[in-house]
C-alpha atoms as a PDB file:
ATOM      1  CA  MET A   1      -0.005   0.020  -0.005  1.00  0.00           C
ATOM      2  CA  SER A   2       1.140   3.528  -0.785  1.00  0.00           C
ATOM      3  CA  GLY A   3       2.809   5.261   2.101  1.00  0.00           C
ATOM      4  CA  ASP A   4       1.180   8.537   1.179  1.00  0.00           C
ATOM      5  CA  TRP A   5      -2.286   7.127   0.714  1.00  0.00           C
ATOM      6  CA  SER A   6      -5.094   9.556   1.541  1.00  0.00           C
ATOM      7  CA  VAL A   7      -8.709  10.039   0.473  1.00  0.00           C
ATOM      8  CA  GLY A   8     -11.578  12.475   0.787  1.00  0.00           C
ATOM      9  CA  VAL A   9     -15.135  11.198   0.827  1.00  0.00           C
ATOM     10  CA  ILE A  10     -17.943  13.332  -0.421  1.00  0.00           C
ATOM     11  CA  GLY A  11     -20.825  11.897   1.601  1.00  0.00           C
ATOM     12  CA  ALA A  12     -21.097  10.673   5.192  1.00  0.00           C
ATOM     13  CA  GLY A  13     -23.901   8.134   5.186  1.00  0.00           C
ATOM     14  CA  HIS A  14     -24.093   4.471   5.809  1.00  0.00           C
ATOM     15  CA  PHE A  15     -22.184   3.475   2.687  1.00  0.00           C
ATOM     16  CA  ALA A  16     -19.384   5.916   3.543  1.00  0.00           C
ATOM     17  CA  GLU A  17     -19.125   4.212   6.873  1.00  0.00           C
ATOM     18  CA  PHE A  18     -18.697   0.820   5.172  1.00  0.00           C
ATOM     19  CA  LEU A  19     -15.842   2.267   3.137  1.00  0.00           C
ATOM     20  CA  VAL A  20     -14.177   3.879   6.151  1.00  0.00           C
ATOM     21  CA  GLN A  21     -14.420   0.594   8.118  1.00  0.00           C
ATOM     22  CA  GLY A  22     -12.931  -1.375   5.219  1.00  0.00           C
ATOM     23  CA  TRP A  23     -10.001   1.072   4.812  1.00  0.00           C
ATOM     24  CA  LEU A  24      -9.267   1.012   8.547  1.00  0.00           C
ATOM     25  CA  ARG A  25      -9.495  -2.812   8.543  1.00  0.00           C
ATOM     26  CA  ALA A  26      -6.954  -2.815   5.790  1.00  0.00           C
ATOM     27  CA  GLY A  27      -4.544  -0.741   7.833  1.00  0.00           C
ATOM     28  CA  ARG A  28      -5.119   2.717   6.506  1.00  0.00           C
ATOM     29  CA  PRO A  29      -4.581   5.288   9.239  1.00  0.00           C
ATOM     30  CA  PRO A  30      -7.698   7.253  10.177  1.00  0.00           C
ATOM     31  CA  GLU A  31      -5.983  10.588   9.710  1.00  0.00           C
ATOM     32  CA  SER A  32      -5.569   9.754   6.072  1.00  0.00           C
ATOM     33  CA  ILE A  33      -9.357   9.835   5.576  1.00  0.00           C
ATOM     34  CA  ILE A  34     -11.573  12.973   5.685  1.00  0.00           C
ATOM     35  CA  VAL A  35     -15.307  13.146   5.071  1.00  0.00           C
ATOM     36  CA  SER A  36     -17.559  15.928   4.060  1.00  0.00           C
ATOM     37  CA  PRO A  37     -19.403  17.880   6.797  1.00  0.00           C
ATOM     38  CA  ARG A  38     -22.761  16.500   6.242  1.00  0.00           C
ATOM     39  CA  GLY A  39     -24.912  13.473   7.259  1.00  0.00           C
ATOM     40  CA  ARG A  40     -23.233  11.423   9.921  1.00  0.00           C
ATOM     41  CA  SER A  41     -19.785  13.045   9.657  1.00  0.00           C
ATOM     42  CA  ALA A  42     -19.549  13.904  13.432  1.00  0.00           C
ATOM     43  CA  ASP A  43     -20.529  10.260  14.349  1.00  0.00           C
ATOM     44  CA  LEU A  44     -17.835   8.880  11.903  1.00  0.00           C
ATOM     45  CA  ALA A  45     -15.271  11.236  13.359  1.00  0.00           C
ATOM     46  CA  ALA A  46     -16.098  10.244  16.962  1.00  0.00           C
ATOM     47  CA  ARG A  47     -16.123   6.496  16.258  1.00  0.00           C
ATOM     48  CA  PHE A  48     -13.321   6.098  13.834  1.00  0.00           C
ATOM     49  CA  GLY A  49     -11.073   9.119  14.205  1.00  0.00           C
ATOM     50  CA  VAL A  50     -11.335  10.320  10.661  1.00  0.00           C
ATOM     51  CA  GLY A  51     -11.271  14.006   9.748  1.00  0.00           C
ATOM     52  CA  VAL A  52     -14.141  16.221   8.787  1.00  0.00           C
ATOM     53  CA  ALA A  53     -13.688  18.915   6.134  1.00  0.00           C
ATOM     54  CA  GLU A  54     -15.181  22.350   6.728  1.00  0.00           C
ATOM     55  CA  SER A  55     -16.821  22.320   3.303  1.00  0.00           C
ATOM     56  CA  LEU A  56     -16.648  20.566   0.042  1.00  0.00           C
ATOM     57  CA  PRO A  57     -14.166  23.061  -1.363  1.00  0.00           C
ATOM     58  CA  ASP A  58     -12.049  22.485   1.754  1.00  0.00           C
ATOM     59  CA  LEU A  59     -12.176  18.741   1.179  1.00  0.00           C
ATOM     60  CA  ALA A  60     -11.158  19.263  -2.456  1.00  0.00           C
ATOM     61  CA  ALA A  61      -8.220  21.494  -1.335  1.00  0.00           C
ATOM     62  CA  ARG A  62      -6.997  18.917   1.133  1.00  0.00           C
ATOM     63  CA  ARG A  63      -7.296  15.803  -0.945  1.00  0.00           C
ATOM     64  CA  ASP A  64      -6.408  14.822  -4.573  1.00  0.00           C
ATOM     65  CA  ARG A  65      -8.310  11.551  -4.465  1.00  0.00           C
ATOM     66  CA  ILE A  66     -12.026  11.726  -3.945  1.00  0.00           C
ATOM     67  CA  VAL A  67     -14.738   9.085  -3.407  1.00  0.00           C
ATOM     68  CA  LEU A  68     -18.183  10.356  -4.350  1.00  0.00           C
ATOM     69  CA  SER A  69     -20.697   8.518  -2.073  1.00  0.00           C
ATOM     70  CA  VAL A  70     -24.013  10.443  -2.233  1.00  0.00           C
ATOM     71  CA  ARG A  71     -27.460   9.787  -3.538  1.00  0.00           C
ATOM     72  CA  PRO A  72     -27.363   9.699  -7.353  1.00  0.00           C
ATOM     73  CA  LYS A  73     -29.702  12.685  -7.657  1.00  0.00           C
ATOM     74  CA  ASP A  74     -27.235  14.696  -5.558  1.00  0.00           C
ATOM     75  CA  ALA A  75     -23.991  13.651  -7.368  1.00  0.00           C
ATOM     76  CA  ALA A  76     -23.717  16.513 -10.020  1.00  0.00           C
ATOM     77  CA  ALA A  77     -24.405  19.203  -7.526  1.00  0.00           C
ATOM     78  CA  ALA A  78     -21.908  17.853  -4.992  1.00  0.00           C
ATOM     79  CA  LEU A  79     -19.143  17.706  -7.587  1.00  0.00           C
ATOM     80  CA  ALA A  80     -19.914  21.203  -8.878  1.00  0.00           C
ATOM     81  CA  GLU A  81     -19.858  22.583  -5.330  1.00  0.00           C
ATOM     82  CA  ALA A  82     -16.539  20.906  -4.591  1.00  0.00           C
ATOM     83  CA  GLY A  83     -14.827  22.798  -7.508  1.00  0.00           C
ATOM     84  CA  LEU A  84     -12.487  19.947  -8.526  1.00  0.00           C
ATOM     85  CA  GLY A  85      -9.530  20.525 -10.877  1.00  0.00           C
ATOM     86  CA  ALA A  86      -7.106  18.658 -13.053  1.00  0.00           C
ATOM     87  CA  ARG A  87      -5.239  17.180 -10.106  1.00  0.00           C
ATOM     88  CA  HIS A  88      -8.313  15.422  -8.746  1.00  0.00           C
ATOM     89  CA  LEU A  89      -9.321  11.714  -9.295  1.00  0.00           C
ATOM     90  CA  VAL A  90     -12.971  11.046  -8.522  1.00  0.00           C
ATOM     91  CA  VAL A  91     -14.149   7.512  -7.821  1.00  0.00           C
ATOM     92  CA  SER A  92     -17.914   7.576  -7.922  1.00  0.00           C
ATOM     93  CA  VAL A  93     -19.864   4.849  -6.158  1.00  0.00           C
ATOM     94  CA  CYS A  94     -23.216   6.402  -7.160  1.00  0.00           C
ATOM     95  CA  ALA A  95     -25.330   3.829  -8.935  1.00  0.00           C
ATOM     96  CA  GLY A  96     -26.532   4.821 -12.332  1.00  0.00           C
ATOM     97  CA  VAL A  97     -24.542   8.140 -12.669  1.00  0.00           C
ATOM     98  CA  THR A  98     -22.690   7.876 -15.947  1.00  0.00           C
ATOM     99  CA  LEU A  99     -19.153   8.944 -16.781  1.00  0.00           C
ATOM    100  CA  GLY A 100     -20.685  11.617 -18.978  1.00  0.00           C
ATOM    101  CA  GLU A 101     -22.672  12.980 -16.199  1.00  0.00           C
ATOM    102  CA  LEU A 102     -19.719  12.899 -13.830  1.00  0.00           C
ATOM    103  CA  SER A 103     -17.477  14.712 -16.435  1.00  0.00           C
ATOM    104  CA  ALA A 104     -20.068  17.365 -17.014  1.00  0.00           C
ATOM    105  CA  ALA A 105     -20.129  18.207 -13.379  1.00  0.00           C
ATOM    106  CA  ALA A 106     -16.361  18.012 -12.868  1.00  0.00           C
ATOM    107  CA  PRO A 107     -14.954  18.655 -16.337  1.00  0.00           C
ATOM    108  CA  ASP A 108     -11.346  19.009 -15.289  1.00  0.00           C
ATOM    109  CA  ALA A 109     -11.168  15.959 -12.966  1.00  0.00           C
ATOM    110  CA  ARG A 110     -10.497  12.333 -13.968  1.00  0.00           C
ATOM    111  CA  CYS A 111     -13.618  10.371 -13.249  1.00  0.00           C
ATOM    112  CA  ILE A 112     -13.983   6.628 -12.590  1.00  0.00           C
ATOM    113  CA  ARG A 113     -16.952   4.495 -11.679  1.00  0.00           C
ATOM    114  CA  ALA A 114     -16.928   1.798  -9.050  1.00  0.00           C
ATOM    115  CA  MET A 115     -19.508  -0.407  -7.375  1.00  0.00           C
ATOM    116  CA  PRO A 116     -18.582  -1.882  -4.019  1.00  0.00           C
ATOM    117  CA  VAL A 117     -21.126  -3.372  -1.633  1.00  0.00           C
ATOM    118  CA  SER A 118     -21.468  -3.209   2.184  1.00  0.00           C
ATOM    119  CA  ALA A 119     -19.160  -6.122   2.599  1.00  0.00           C
ATOM    120  CA  ALA A 120     -16.378  -3.604   1.902  1.00  0.00           C
ATOM    121  CA  LYS A 121     -16.382  -3.089   5.737  1.00  0.00           C
ATOM    122  CA  LEU A 122     -15.104  -6.700   6.006  1.00  0.00           C
ATOM    123  CA  GLY A 123     -12.716  -6.405   3.064  1.00  0.00           C
ATOM    124  CA  ARG A 124     -14.955  -8.792   1.143  1.00  0.00           C
ATOM    125  CA  SER A 125     -16.598  -6.620  -1.471  1.00  0.00           C
ATOM    126  CA  PRO A 126     -16.425  -7.710  -5.123  1.00  0.00           C
ATOM    127  CA  THR A 127     -15.934  -4.199  -6.581  1.00  0.00           C
ATOM    128  CA  THR A 128     -16.351  -3.485 -10.247  1.00  0.00           C
ATOM    129  CA  VAL A 129     -14.335  -0.593 -11.766  1.00  0.00           C
ATOM    130  CA  PHE A 130     -14.589   1.249 -15.068  1.00  0.00           C
ATOM    131  CA  PRO A 131     -12.319   2.375 -16.530  1.00  0.00           C
ATOM    132  CA  ASP A 132      -9.494   0.595 -14.947  1.00  0.00           C
ATOM    133  CA  ASP A 133      -7.027   2.990 -13.399  1.00  0.00           C
ATOM    134  CA  PRO A 134      -4.021   2.235 -11.129  1.00  0.00           C
ATOM    135  CA  ALA A 135      -4.732   5.178  -8.826  1.00  0.00           C
ATOM    136  CA  ALA A 136      -8.318   4.099  -8.436  1.00  0.00           C
ATOM    137  CA  ARG A 137      -7.173   0.561  -7.668  1.00  0.00           C
ATOM    138  CA  ASP A 138      -4.912   1.875  -4.983  1.00  0.00           C
ATOM    139  CA  MET A 139      -7.816   3.792  -3.448  1.00  0.00           C
ATOM    140  CA  LEU A 140     -10.016   0.733  -3.412  1.00  0.00           C
ATOM    141  CA  THR A 141      -7.383  -1.872  -2.403  1.00  0.00           C
ATOM    142  CA  GLY A 142      -8.302  -3.565   0.940  1.00  0.00           C
ATOM    143  CA  LEU A 143     -12.088  -3.402   0.377  1.00  0.00           C
ATOM    144  CA  GLY A 144     -12.250  -6.788  -1.542  1.00  0.00           C
ATOM    145  CA  PRO A 145     -11.423  -8.206  -4.904  1.00  0.00           C
ATOM    146  CA  LEU A 146     -11.399  -5.601  -7.762  1.00  0.00           C
ATOM    147  CA  ILE A 147     -13.119  -6.527 -11.056  1.00  0.00           C
ATOM    148  CA  PRO A 148     -12.087  -4.049 -13.787  1.00  0.00           C
ATOM    149  CA  LEU A 149     -14.487  -3.868 -16.803  1.00  0.00           C
ATOM    150  CA  GLU A 150     -13.749  -2.743 -20.361  1.00  0.00           C
ATOM    151  CA  ALA A 151     -16.985  -0.885 -21.266  1.00  0.00           C
ATOM    152  CA  GLU A 152     -19.517   1.273 -19.356  1.00  0.00           C
ATOM    153  CA  ALA A 153     -22.404  -0.898 -20.759  1.00  0.00           C
ATOM    154  CA  ALA A 154     -20.701  -3.885 -18.951  1.00  0.00           C
ATOM    155  CA  PHE A 155     -20.364  -1.850 -15.901  1.00  0.00           C
ATOM    156  CA  GLU A 156     -24.060  -1.064 -15.844  1.00  0.00           C
ATOM    157  CA  ALA A 157     -24.951  -4.682 -16.253  1.00  0.00           C
ATOM    158  CA  ALA A 158     -22.462  -5.650 -13.562  1.00  0.00           C
ATOM    159  CA  SER A 159     -24.042  -3.064 -11.235  1.00  0.00           C
ATOM    160  CA  VAL A 160     -27.218  -5.150 -11.039  1.00  0.00           C
ATOM    161  CA  ASN A 161     -25.082  -7.633  -8.935  1.00  0.00           C
ATOM    162  CA  ALA A 162     -25.216  -5.041  -6.109  1.00  0.00           C
ATOM    163  CA  ALA A 163     -28.992  -5.733  -6.052  1.00  0.00           C
ATOM    164  CA  VAL A 164     -28.358  -9.485  -6.258  1.00  0.00           C
ATOM    165  CA  TYR A 165     -26.088  -9.158  -3.296  1.00  0.00           C
ATOM    166  CA  ALA A 166     -29.002  -7.622  -1.403  1.00  0.00           C
ATOM    167  CA  TRP A 167     -31.456 -10.354  -2.592  1.00  0.00           C
ATOM    168  CA  VAL A 168     -28.998 -13.013  -1.407  1.00  0.00           C
ATOM    169  CA  HIS A 169     -29.418 -11.478   2.134  1.00  0.00           C
ATOM    170  CA  GLY A 170     -33.151 -12.075   1.745  1.00  0.00           C
ATOM    171  CA  LEU A 171     -32.605 -15.649   0.566  1.00  0.00           C
ATOM    172  CA  ILE A 172     -30.368 -16.342   3.560  1.00  0.00           C
ATOM    173  CA  ALA A 173     -32.955 -14.845   5.964  1.00  0.00           C
ATOM    174  CA  GLU A 174     -35.837 -16.934   4.417  1.00  0.00           C
ATOM    175  CA  THR A 175     -33.610 -20.091   4.662  1.00  0.00           C
ATOM    176  CA  ALA A 176     -32.719 -19.417   8.252  1.00  0.00           C
ATOM    177  CA  ARG A 177     -36.334 -18.763   9.208  1.00  0.00           C
ATOM    178  CA  TRP A 178     -37.465 -21.972   7.607  1.00  0.00           C
ATOM    179  CA  SER A 179     -34.764 -23.891   9.394  1.00  0.00           C
ATOM    180  CA  ALA A 180     -35.624 -22.351  12.755  1.00  0.00           C
ATOM    181  CA  ALA A 181     -39.334 -23.076  12.255  1.00  0.00           C
ATOM    182  CA  HIS A 182     -38.352 -26.707  11.726  1.00  0.00           C
ATOM    183  CA  GLY A 183     -36.294 -27.229  14.897  1.00  0.00           C
ATOM    184  CA  MET A 184     -32.944 -25.484  14.446  1.00  0.00           C
ATOM    185  CA  GLU A 185     -31.768 -22.856  16.979  1.00  0.00           C
ATOM    186  CA  ALA A 186     -32.116 -19.472  15.341  1.00  0.00           C
ATOM    187  CA  ALA A 187     -28.423 -18.378  15.497  1.00  0.00           C
ATOM    188  CA  THR A 188     -27.215 -21.775  14.228  1.00  0.00           C
ATOM    189  CA  ALA A 189     -29.737 -21.631  11.396  1.00  0.00           C
ATOM    190  CA  ARG A 190     -28.489 -18.145  10.430  1.00  0.00           C
ATOM    191  CA  LYS A 191     -24.871 -19.291  10.486  1.00  0.00           C
ATOM    192  CA  LEU A 192     -25.556 -22.442   8.494  1.00  0.00           C
ATOM    193  CA  ALA A 193     -27.549 -20.551   5.799  1.00  0.00           C
ATOM    194  CA  ALA A 194     -24.872 -17.822   5.485  1.00  0.00           C
ATOM    195  CA  GLU A 195     -21.988 -20.367   5.264  1.00  0.00           C
ATOM    196  CA  SER A 196     -23.883 -22.420   2.750  1.00  0.00           C
ATOM    197  CA  PHE A 197     -24.291 -19.435   0.387  1.00  0.00           C
ATOM    198  CA  ALA A 198     -20.636 -18.433   0.943  1.00  0.00           C
ATOM    199  CA  ALA A 199     -19.562 -21.960   0.089  1.00  0.00           C
ATOM    200  CA  ALA A 200     -21.623 -21.992  -3.059  1.00  0.00           C
ATOM    201  CA  GLY A 201     -20.128 -18.699  -4.091  1.00  0.00           C
ATOM    202  CA  ALA A 202     -16.613 -20.083  -3.550  1.00  0.00           C
ATOM    203  CA  MET A 203     -17.439 -23.113  -5.678  1.00  0.00           C
ATOM    204  CA  ALA A 204     -19.038 -21.128  -8.425  1.00  0.00           C
ATOM    205  CA  GLY A 205     -16.105 -18.742  -8.585  1.00  0.00           C
ATOM    206  CA  ASP A 206     -13.491 -21.547  -8.745  1.00  0.00           C
ATOM    207  CA  ALA A 207     -11.691 -21.091 -12.045  1.00  0.00           C
ATOM    208  CA  ASP A 208     -10.976 -24.835 -12.220  1.00  0.00           C
ATOM    209  CA  ALA A 209     -14.545 -25.826 -11.745  1.00  0.00           C
ATOM    210  CA  PRO A 210     -16.806 -26.886 -14.653  1.00  0.00           C
ATOM    211  CA  ASP A 211     -19.217 -24.308 -16.171  1.00  0.00           C
ATOM    212  CA  LEU A 212     -22.170 -23.330 -13.975  1.00  0.00           C
ATOM    213  CA  ASP A 213     -24.821 -25.286 -15.825  1.00  0.00           C
ATOM    214  CA  ALA A 214     -22.718 -28.481 -15.549  1.00  0.00           C
ATOM    215  CA  MET A 215     -22.155 -27.771 -11.868  1.00  0.00           C
ATOM    216  CA  VAL A 216     -25.870 -27.313 -11.197  1.00  0.00           C
ATOM    217  CA  ALA A 217     -26.659 -30.474 -13.192  1.00  0.00           C
ATOM    218  CA  ALA A 218     -24.200 -32.436 -11.090  1.00  0.00           C
ATOM    219  CA  LEU A 219     -25.731 -31.209  -7.872  1.00  0.00           C
ATOM    220  CA  ALA A 220     -29.296 -31.956  -8.866  1.00  0.00           C
ATOM    221  CA  THR A 221     -28.925 -35.795  -8.493  1.00  0.00           C
ATOM    222  CA  PRO A 222     -31.992 -37.520  -9.996  1.00  0.00           C
ATOM    223  CA  GLY A 223     -34.400 -38.326  -7.238  1.00  0.00           C
ATOM    224  CA  GLY A 224     -32.446 -36.253  -4.736  1.00  0.00           C
ATOM    225  CA  ILE A 225     -33.423 -33.288  -2.534  1.00  0.00           C
ATOM    226  CA  SER A 226     -31.637 -30.763  -4.790  1.00  0.00           C
ATOM    227  CA  GLU A 227     -33.698 -31.907  -7.801  1.00  0.00           C
ATOM    228  CA  ALA A 228     -36.948 -31.701  -5.773  1.00  0.00           C
ATOM    229  CA  GLY A 229     -36.174 -28.095  -4.850  1.00  0.00           C
ATOM    230  CA  PHE A 230     -35.239 -27.107  -8.364  1.00  0.00           C
ATOM    231  CA  ASP A 231     -38.504 -28.678  -9.634  1.00  0.00           C
ATOM    232  CA  ALA A 232     -40.508 -26.712  -7.040  1.00  0.00           C
ATOM    233  CA  LEU A 233     -38.828 -23.462  -7.981  1.00  0.00           C
ATOM    234  CA  GLY A 234     -39.269 -24.028 -11.702  1.00  0.00           C
ATOM    235  CA  GLU A 235     -42.980 -24.830 -11.146  1.00  0.00           C
ATOM    236  CA  ARG A 236     -43.401 -21.491  -9.498  1.00  0.00           C
ATOM    237  CA  GLY A 237     -41.637 -19.504 -12.164  1.00  0.00           C
ATOM    238  CA  VAL A 238     -38.636 -18.510  -9.975  1.00  0.00           C
ATOM    239  CA  PRO A 239     -36.029 -18.482 -12.730  1.00  0.00           C
ATOM    240  CA  GLU A 240     -38.247 -16.138 -14.802  1.00  0.00           C
ATOM    241  CA  ALA A 241     -39.011 -13.980 -11.731  1.00  0.00           C
ATOM    242  CA  TRP A 242     -35.306 -13.743 -10.951  1.00  0.00           C
ATOM    243  CA  ARG A 243     -34.469 -12.476 -14.484  1.00  0.00           C
ATOM    244  CA  ALA A 244     -37.306 -10.030 -14.242  1.00  0.00           C
ATOM    245  CA  ALA A 245     -35.957  -8.751 -11.001  1.00  0.00           C
ATOM    246  CA  CYS A 246     -32.549  -8.251 -12.688  1.00  0.00           C
ATOM    247  CA  ASP A 247     -34.295  -6.374 -15.574  1.00  0.00           C
ATOM    248  CA  ALA A 248     -36.107  -4.208 -12.994  1.00  0.00           C
ATOM    249  CA  ALA A 249     -32.849  -3.334 -11.232  1.00  0.00           C
ATOM    250  CA  ARG A 250     -31.207  -2.381 -14.522  1.00  0.00           C
ATOM    251  CA  GLN A 251     -34.199  -0.099 -15.474  1.00  0.00           C
ATOM    252  CA  ARG A 252     -33.996   1.512 -12.077  1.00  0.00           C
ATOM    253  CA  LEU A 253     -30.252   2.270 -12.617  1.00  0.00           C
ATOM    254  CA  ARG A 254     -31.167   4.013 -15.847  1.00  0.00           C
ATOM    255  CA  ARG A 255     -33.537   6.275 -14.013  1.00  0.00           C
ATOM    256  CA  SER A 256     -31.244   7.046 -11.058  1.00  0.00           C
END
């Protein structure tokens, strides 16, 4: 990690907190991080020891590398207020805000898009980045695996995975509730459901494993419990509903 690493965060909400926690977990010193003076900035300073800028222009004066973590509708105004120049690198984590929109609001700055998730606080966020940039990589190192993409259209499609990440939480919760209702202790049911999903993700992400369709076919042993579950899901239209949910998330991104 760079010895002179520092970052300013425009935004001080829950997502900014996840980023701060991830950076601190990765060994970044709290004094290297400053946040904008809005939202929960005083709480972040009290809990984590990060600095708080006096204003957005003050933050821009004190930091060359900026993470933009505000509501998408507020992104352009925040960048314009900060008054960024050619020395600034902006990594936006605002869903649906295009590079064109970022550049229009900060025409002299270099703008990058990234899409981490809340697991950044644990150093476990799969984070997409477009375009790939060494300085942006350095800013995001420690939050989880980085996945650079070659086109903005691919980045938009990949951003739907941030919604999938949220839905998986719901699936884990439903599984844990079912298990608890059928005799398991609630905390054990939650742990088992979470670990099962994590194990499936590890297997699916194994580069040496067969393709996913072959993996699913191998797991769905004829006459077995996995096949019974797949059949029930198929009869209820779950695969089609899942694809519709992905489409809905993509459409929402376009309206952000």
